[in-house]
Each structure stands twice: as structure tokens, then as C-alpha cells.
Amino acid sequence: MKDLHGRNVDYLRLSITTECNFDCFFCSSNSSSVSTLTLDELRTFSEIFSELGIRNVRLTGGEPLLRADLPQIVEMLSKRFNIFITTNGSRLKDYAKLFKMHGVQSINLSLHSLDEETFYRITKASLSHVLEGLNSALKEKLNVKLNCVVSEHNVDEIPELVRFATKLRLPIRFIELMPIGKDNRAVPLKEIFERLQIFDLRPIDVRLGFGPASYYVTKDGNYVGIIAALSKNFCETCNKIRLSSDGKLYPCLGSSFHIDLRRILMEGSKEKLVEAVKVGIERKPLKHVMNEGMVLNAMRQLGG
């Protein structure tokens, strides 16, 4: 389905929990306790999104692998959509075989440092569990991409992270901090590129999945992506909408506009629900407003 600006919206980022066993500084304080969508509610929403042309669903959170009925959710959604997952990796070793069995298309694994102390400073969690999860995913031959949110804590570690990804032949993406829920100071895009110059990056016209990264290839032939929503706006090609863990439809992460689909569902009218989703897609903003200041959305309810 197209929005009013002609963009074909076929990608849903679905937050299935606000729970997270990490406490990352860039999103820890902007989450509140909410009543999470039930499996039956997710089933109803999935039917409607499928009817309206959504083809790709990324499960996010919070940390989606903490949800007890995750196997049932993955099985249900995989019958209608291409499934992608974003995870901190801490429980990936428990689910790698399940994801392989249900044909999960790819996994975005957050890896913000390779130094135990730095990793803990950023996440308040253990690096070793993440690396165990990564190894389990690679053993199952799952398609993995590494994500690193760049901050003052890890900007000097960018070359080491690229070497690590290259050794494993995995794409790695460096993400500019966004002022969502917290007014974080972003590391300038220029500074990120300065750390990458030793790899003789060459721009390459490739898309790995449906994300907004601009990709480059290193002299060793590995892919490095840059996601810079502030410095290099990519809104004109955005094809996604978001459903929060409590059933609110957000056409744009960088805007507070939303529609409470759960409330409409509780009123019992499927027709009104379908129309509400159509309105949400049609009213997807032309661009985000993050350059104008902090956006008061809760990252754990919407997914990163």
C-alpha cells in the first residue's frame, strides 16, 4: 500500500515486548510498563497487515527473545510474512535452531563493543553471552548482520569492530545516535568516517535487507553500512511502519503521531481497524522531525 507521498509501505517493525535484560544508556530511561499485545491480538493484526500489503516483519522490543511465547509468534507470522529479528544476542543460543527451522530471513545483532568493560558501560550486560549467541547463529548458518550504535564510549573501537566483522565475513552497520526519548549527543558522521578511512571504503549500490543503511565495501571485500538518520536523511525511501508492544501504530519513529489500534480492536469492528491502518499508512510523514529536537517516543515500545 502506498502512502500519500508515493512510497510503497510493505515493511512492519513489530515490538512484542518492552522487557529487556540490557540497560543501554541510549534507551534505558524512556520505557514504561505497558500491557503487551497477546498472541490472539497479534494474530488479528497480522491478518490485517497481510491484507494491506505488508510482506516483511521485523520482530523487535525491548528484547524480543525474552517473550515466553516467541516460538508460537514466529511460527504464526512465518506463514504470512518474511520474518526478520533484531536482538541483543544474549538468548540467541536458545533460539538459533528455531529461527533456522522457521526460515527467519536475517538477524540484526547489536554489538556495541568487543571490550568487556566498554560493553558493560554501554549495556550493563555481559559481552560473553552475546558472543555465544552469535556463534550459535553462525553454526546454524543464519544470515547475521552486526549493528553498532556509535557513541563517545566506542567510537575509537570502530576499526576493531570492522576487523572482527571481516574475519567472520559479516556485514556491520554503524548507527548514528538518535534523540528518541533521550537527548543523546550523536557522534558526527564525519568522525565515524575518519575511523573508517584505513579500510579504503568504496561506495557500493547494494541493499542487504530492507533497512536504510548506505553501504561501502572495504579493501578486504566486506560490507560496512552507515545508518545516519540525522546527518543523512533517508526518509524519501522509507518503506516501514511500526506497531508498538501495546498496539499503537506509528508511521514514523521520528514523529509522535500514532493511532491506537488496540483500542479500535477492542471495539470489535474489523472494518474500522482496516480503515485505521490505511489512514496510518497514508499519513506517514514525509520526513522525521528529529533534527528539530528530541522526540518523546519510548524506544523499547517501538523497537530500534
Protein backbone atom coordinates (compact mmCIF):
# COMPACT_ATOMS: atom_id res chain seq x y z
CA MET A 1 0.00 0.00 0.00
CA LYS A 2 1.28 3.47 -0.88
CA ASP A 3 1.35 6.48 1.41
CA LEU A 4 0.34 9.97 0.27
CA HIS A 5 3.94 10.64 -0.86
CA GLY A 6 4.06 7.62 -3.18
CA ARG A 7 6.20 5.37 -1.01
CA ASN A 8 5.23 1.69 -1.06
CA VAL A 9 4.90 0.62 2.58
CA ASP A 10 5.43 -3.13 2.88
CA TYR A 11 7.60 -3.45 6.00
CA LEU A 12 6.39 -3.62 9.61
CA ARG A 13 8.61 -3.32 12.66
CA LEU A 14 6.72 -5.14 15.39
CA SER A 15 7.66 -4.65 19.03
CA ILE A 16 6.48 -7.68 21.03
CA THR A 17 7.73 -6.70 24.49
CA THR A 18 9.10 -3.77 26.48
CA GLU A 19 11.19 -6.13 28.59
CA CYS A 20 14.95 -6.04 28.14
CA ASN A 21 17.76 -7.67 30.09
CA PHE A 22 20.14 -4.91 28.95
CA ASP A 23 20.17 -1.34 30.24
CA CYS A 24 21.71 0.57 27.33
CA PHE A 25 22.26 4.22 28.16
CA PHE A 26 20.60 5.45 24.97
CA CYS A 27 17.19 3.90 25.64
CA SER A 28 17.03 2.68 29.25
CA SER A 29 15.10 5.53 30.81
CA ASN A 30 12.40 6.06 28.21
CA SER A 31 10.27 2.97 28.74
CA SER A 32 7.22 2.40 30.87
CA SER A 33 5.34 -0.73 31.85
CA VAL A 34 2.56 -1.48 29.36
CA SER A 35 0.08 -4.25 28.68
CA THR A 36 1.73 -6.22 25.88
CA LEU A 37 -0.24 -7.46 22.88
CA THR A 38 -1.47 -11.02 23.30
CA LEU A 39 -0.88 -13.81 20.80
CA ASP A 40 -4.52 -13.57 19.66
CA GLU A 41 -4.24 -9.82 19.17
CA LEU A 42 -1.03 -10.29 17.19
CA ARG A 43 -2.81 -12.87 15.04
CA THR A 44 -5.64 -10.45 14.25
CA PHE A 45 -3.26 -7.61 13.42
CA SER A 46 -1.13 -9.91 11.25
CA GLU A 47 -4.17 -10.84 9.15
CA ILE A 48 -4.98 -7.18 8.52
CA PHE A 49 -1.41 -6.11 7.77
CA SER A 50 -1.07 -9.01 5.33
CA GLU A 51 -4.29 -8.00 3.56
CA LEU A 52 -2.97 -4.44 3.19
CA GLY A 53 0.29 -5.46 1.55
CA ILE A 54 2.80 -5.85 4.38
CA ARG A 55 5.24 -8.54 3.29
CA ASN A 56 8.15 -8.17 5.70
CA VAL A 57 8.01 -8.13 9.52
CA ARG A 58 10.89 -7.44 11.87
CA LEU A 59 10.42 -8.54 15.48
CA THR A 60 11.86 -6.08 17.95
CA GLY A 61 11.37 -4.96 21.56
CA GLY A 62 12.67 -4.43 24.18
CA GLU A 63 14.42 -7.72 23.67
CA PRO A 64 12.06 -9.96 21.64
CA LEU A 65 13.81 -13.18 22.68
CA LEU A 66 12.62 -12.65 26.26
CA ARG A 67 8.99 -13.24 25.34
CA ALA A 68 7.88 -16.68 26.53
CA ASP A 69 5.61 -17.39 23.55
CA LEU A 70 8.18 -16.32 20.96
CA PRO A 71 8.15 -19.78 19.27
CA GLN A 72 4.40 -19.50 18.67
CA ILE A 73 4.74 -15.93 17.41
CA VAL A 74 7.49 -16.85 14.94
CA GLU A 75 5.59 -19.90 13.71
CA MET A 76 2.39 -17.88 13.23
CA LEU A 77 3.99 -14.93 11.45
CA SER A 78 6.25 -17.02 9.23
CA LYS A 79 3.14 -18.36 7.46
CA ARG A 80 2.29 -14.86 6.21
CA PHE A 81 5.49 -12.80 6.12
CA ASN A 82 9.21 -12.80 5.62
CA ILE A 83 10.50 -12.67 9.20
CA PHE A 84 13.49 -10.67 10.44
CA ILE A 85 14.67 -10.26 14.02
CA THR A 86 16.63 -7.62 15.91
CA THR A 87 18.21 -8.88 19.14
CA ASN A 88 20.88 -8.10 21.69
CA GLY A 89 22.03 -11.70 21.22
CA SER A 90 22.03 -12.70 24.88
CA ARG A 91 19.50 -15.52 24.34
CA LEU A 92 20.20 -16.24 20.70
CA LYS A 93 21.88 -19.55 21.53
CA ASP A 94 18.48 -20.78 22.81
CA TYR A 95 16.61 -19.85 19.63
CA ALA A 96 19.03 -20.24 16.73
CA LYS A 97 17.68 -23.67 15.75
CA LEU A 98 14.07 -22.43 15.94
CA PHE A 99 14.84 -19.47 13.71
CA LYS A 100 16.51 -21.74 11.19
CA MET A 101 13.55 -24.13 11.21
CA HIS A 102 11.03 -21.34 10.52
CA GLY A 103 13.08 -19.67 7.81
CA VAL A 104 13.92 -16.42 9.57
CA GLN A 105 15.44 -14.28 6.81
CA SER A 106 18.08 -12.47 8.83
CA ILE A 107 19.10 -11.40 12.31
CA ASN A 108 20.39 -7.97 13.30
CA LEU A 109 22.61 -8.48 16.32
CA SER A 110 23.62 -5.47 18.42
CA LEU A 111 27.34 -5.45 19.15
CA HIS A 112 28.44 -2.12 20.59
CA SER A 113 31.93 -3.15 21.74
CA LEU A 114 34.38 -6.05 21.85
CA ASP A 115 35.83 -4.92 25.15
CA GLU A 116 34.06 -6.40 28.18
CA GLU A 117 34.35 -3.25 30.28
CA THR A 118 33.21 -0.91 27.49
CA PHE A 119 30.37 -3.24 26.60
CA TYR A 120 29.22 -3.24 30.21
CA ARG A 121 29.48 0.55 30.40
CA ILE A 122 27.14 0.84 27.42
CA THR A 123 24.71 -2.00 28.16
CA LYS A 124 25.13 -3.03 31.83
CA ALA A 125 25.28 -6.60 30.50
CA SER A 126 27.78 -9.34 29.65
CA LEU A 127 29.54 -9.48 26.30
CA SER A 128 30.25 -13.21 26.58
CA HIS A 129 26.56 -14.15 26.30
CA VAL A 130 26.25 -12.10 23.12
CA LEU A 131 29.26 -13.77 21.53
CA GLU A 132 27.86 -17.19 22.47
CA GLY A 133 24.62 -16.27 20.74
CA LEU A 134 26.47 -15.06 17.66
CA ASN A 135 28.42 -18.32 17.44
CA SER A 136 25.19 -20.34 17.72
CA ALA A 137 23.61 -18.35 14.90
CA LEU A 138 26.64 -18.86 12.67
CA LYS A 139 26.63 -22.60 13.37
CA GLU A 140 23.04 -22.71 12.12
CA LYS A 141 24.15 -20.73 9.05
CA LEU A 142 21.70 -17.93 9.81
CA ASN A 143 22.07 -14.65 7.95
CA VAL A 144 23.52 -12.22 10.52
CA LYS A 145 24.28 -8.51 10.35
CA LEU A 146 26.04 -6.68 13.16
CA ASN A 147 24.74 -3.35 14.46
CA CYS A 148 26.79 -0.86 16.47
CA VAL A 149 25.31 2.33 17.90
CA VAL A 150 28.20 4.79 17.89
CA SER A 151 28.84 6.89 20.98
CA GLU A 152 31.72 8.52 22.80
CA HIS A 153 32.22 5.18 24.58
CA ASN A 154 33.06 3.14 21.48
CA VAL A 155 33.93 5.49 18.61
CA ASP A 156 37.64 4.63 18.91
CA GLU A 157 36.76 0.94 18.61
CA ILE A 158 35.27 1.21 15.12
CA PRO A 159 38.34 -0.22 13.30
CA GLU A 160 38.49 -3.23 15.64
CA LEU A 161 34.79 -3.91 15.13
CA VAL A 162 35.24 -3.81 11.35
CA ARG A 163 38.16 -6.26 11.56
CA PHE A 164 36.06 -8.58 13.73
CA ALA A 165 33.17 -8.49 11.25
CA THR A 166 35.52 -9.01 8.31
CA LYS A 167 37.05 -12.07 9.95
CA LEU A 168 33.57 -13.59 10.24
CA ARG A 169 32.52 -12.28 6.80
CA LEU A 170 29.56 -10.45 8.33
CA PRO A 171 28.23 -7.02 7.31
CA ILE A 172 28.49 -4.43 10.07
CA ARG A 173 26.47 -1.22 10.30
CA PHE A 174 27.34 1.83 12.38
CA ILE A 175 24.29 3.71 13.62
CA GLU A 176 24.16 7.39 14.48
CA LEU A 177 22.57 8.09 17.87
CA MET A 178 19.04 9.47 17.56
CA PRO A 179 17.26 11.75 20.06
CA ILE A 180 14.40 9.32 20.72
CA GLY A 181 13.19 9.57 24.31
CA LYS A 182 16.61 10.86 25.42
CA ASP A 183 18.58 13.81 24.14
CA ASN A 184 21.71 11.83 23.25
CA ARG A 185 24.73 13.55 21.73
CA ALA A 186 25.45 11.94 18.41
CA VAL A 187 28.98 11.32 17.17
CA PRO A 188 29.20 13.29 13.89
CA LEU A 189 29.08 11.26 10.71
CA LYS A 190 32.41 12.82 9.68
CA GLU A 191 34.06 11.40 12.78
CA ILE A 192 32.72 7.91 12.05
CA PHE A 193 34.14 8.07 8.53
CA GLU A 194 37.50 9.24 9.85
CA ARG A 195 37.80 6.00 11.82
CA LEU A 196 36.96 4.03 8.68
CA GLN A 197 39.46 5.63 6.29
CA ILE A 198 42.08 2.92 6.91
CA PHE A 199 39.81 0.45 5.11
CA ASP A 200 39.73 2.39 1.80
CA LEU A 201 35.95 2.32 1.69
CA ARG A 202 34.29 2.32 -1.70
CA PRO A 203 30.56 3.14 -2.07
CA ILE A 204 28.54 0.24 -3.39
CA ASP A 205 24.96 0.16 -4.63
CA VAL A 206 23.64 -2.75 -2.60
CA ARG A 207 20.82 -3.33 -0.11
CA LEU A 208 21.12 -6.03 2.50
CA GLY A 209 17.53 -6.45 3.58
CA PHE A 210 15.09 -3.55 3.80
CA GLY A 211 16.96 -1.20 6.10
CA PRO A 212 18.16 2.33 5.35
CA ALA A 213 21.93 1.75 5.50
CA SER A 214 24.25 3.22 2.89
CA TYR A 215 26.82 0.52 2.16
CA TYR A 216 30.52 0.58 1.41
CA VAL A 217 32.95 -2.22 0.68
CA THR A 218 36.34 -2.42 2.38
CA LYS A 219 39.63 -3.27 0.69
CA ASP A 220 39.14 -6.78 2.12
CA GLY A 221 35.76 -7.12 0.42
CA ASN A 222 33.49 -6.83 3.46
CA TYR A 223 30.40 -4.64 3.71
CA VAL A 224 30.24 -1.68 6.09
CA GLY A 225 26.94 0.17 6.44
CA ILE A 226 26.18 3.62 7.81
CA ILE A 227 22.75 4.49 9.21
CA ALA A 228 22.66 8.23 9.84
CA ALA A 229 19.09 9.43 10.26
CA LEU A 230 20.22 12.89 11.36
CA SER A 231 23.21 13.60 9.13
CA LYS A 232 21.98 11.82 6.01
CA ASN A 233 18.21 11.75 5.93
CA PHE A 234 16.78 8.68 4.15
CA CYS A 235 13.07 9.43 4.65
CA GLU A 236 12.30 9.58 0.93
CA THR A 237 12.90 5.81 0.63
CA CYS A 238 11.40 4.74 3.96
CA ASN A 239 9.00 1.84 3.49
CA LYS A 240 8.21 0.95 7.09
CA ILE A 241 5.60 1.43 9.78
CA ARG A 242 5.79 0.36 13.43
CA LEU A 243 3.41 -1.33 15.82
CA SER A 244 4.24 -0.77 19.47
CA SER A 245 4.08 -3.54 22.05
CA ASP A 246 0.80 -2.08 23.34
CA GLY A 247 -0.86 -1.87 19.92
CA LYS A 248 -0.21 1.68 18.71
CA LEU A 249 0.62 2.23 15.04
CA TYR A 250 3.48 4.69 14.46
CA PRO A 251 4.06 5.55 10.78
CA CYS A 252 7.42 7.15 11.70
CA LEU A 253 9.90 6.54 14.52
CA GLY A 254 10.88 10.21 14.44
CA SER A 255 7.34 11.52 14.94
CA SER A 256 4.95 11.21 17.88
CA PHE A 257 1.88 10.77 15.63
CA HIS A 258 0.21 7.41 16.22
CA ILE A 259 -3.12 5.56 16.08
CA ASP A 260 -4.27 3.29 18.91
CA LEU A 261 -5.18 0.13 17.00
CA ARG A 262 -5.73 -1.92 20.14
CA ARG A 263 -8.50 0.42 21.30
CA ILE A 264 -10.21 0.07 17.91
CA LEU A 265 -9.78 -3.71 18.04
CA MET A 266 -11.48 -3.80 21.45
CA GLU A 267 -14.47 -2.01 19.93
CA GLY A 268 -14.94 -5.09 17.77
CA SER A 269 -15.08 -3.64 14.26
CA LYS A 270 -12.63 -5.16 11.77
CA GLU A 271 -13.73 -2.64 9.14
CA LYS A 272 -12.76 0.28 11.38
CA LEU A 273 -9.46 -1.42 12.17
CA VAL A 274 -8.63 -1.86 8.49
CA GLU A 275 -9.51 1.78 7.81
CA ALA A 276 -7.36 2.94 10.74
CA VAL A 277 -4.32 1.09 9.40
CA LYS A 278 -4.94 2.58 5.95
CA VAL A 279 -5.08 6.06 7.47
CA GLY A 280 -1.87 5.41 9.39
CA ILE A 281 -0.03 4.35 6.25
CA GLU A 282 -1.43 7.20 4.16
CA ARG A 283 -0.45 9.77 6.80
CA LYS A 284 3.13 8.56 7.07
CA PRO A 285 5.09 11.84 7.38
CA LEU A 286 7.29 12.98 4.52
CA LYS A 287 10.21 13.18 6.94
CA HIS A 288 11.08 12.87 10.62
CA VAL A 289 11.43 15.85 12.97
CA MET A 290 14.46 14.63 14.93
CA ASN A 291 16.64 17.45 13.62
CA GLU A 292 14.31 19.87 15.37
CA GLY A 293 14.78 18.31 18.81
CA MET A 294 14.06 15.27 20.96
CA VAL A 295 11.11 13.05 20.00
CA LEU A 296 9.24 11.74 23.02
CA ASN A 297 8.69 8.17 21.90
CA ALA A 298 9.53 5.15 24.04
CA MET A 299 12.21 3.18 22.18
CA ARG A 300 11.50 -0.11 23.98
CA GLN A 301 7.87 0.03 22.97
CA LEU A 302 8.64 0.84 19.33
CA GLY A 303 11.84 -1.06 18.63
CA GLY A 304 15.06 0.43 17.31
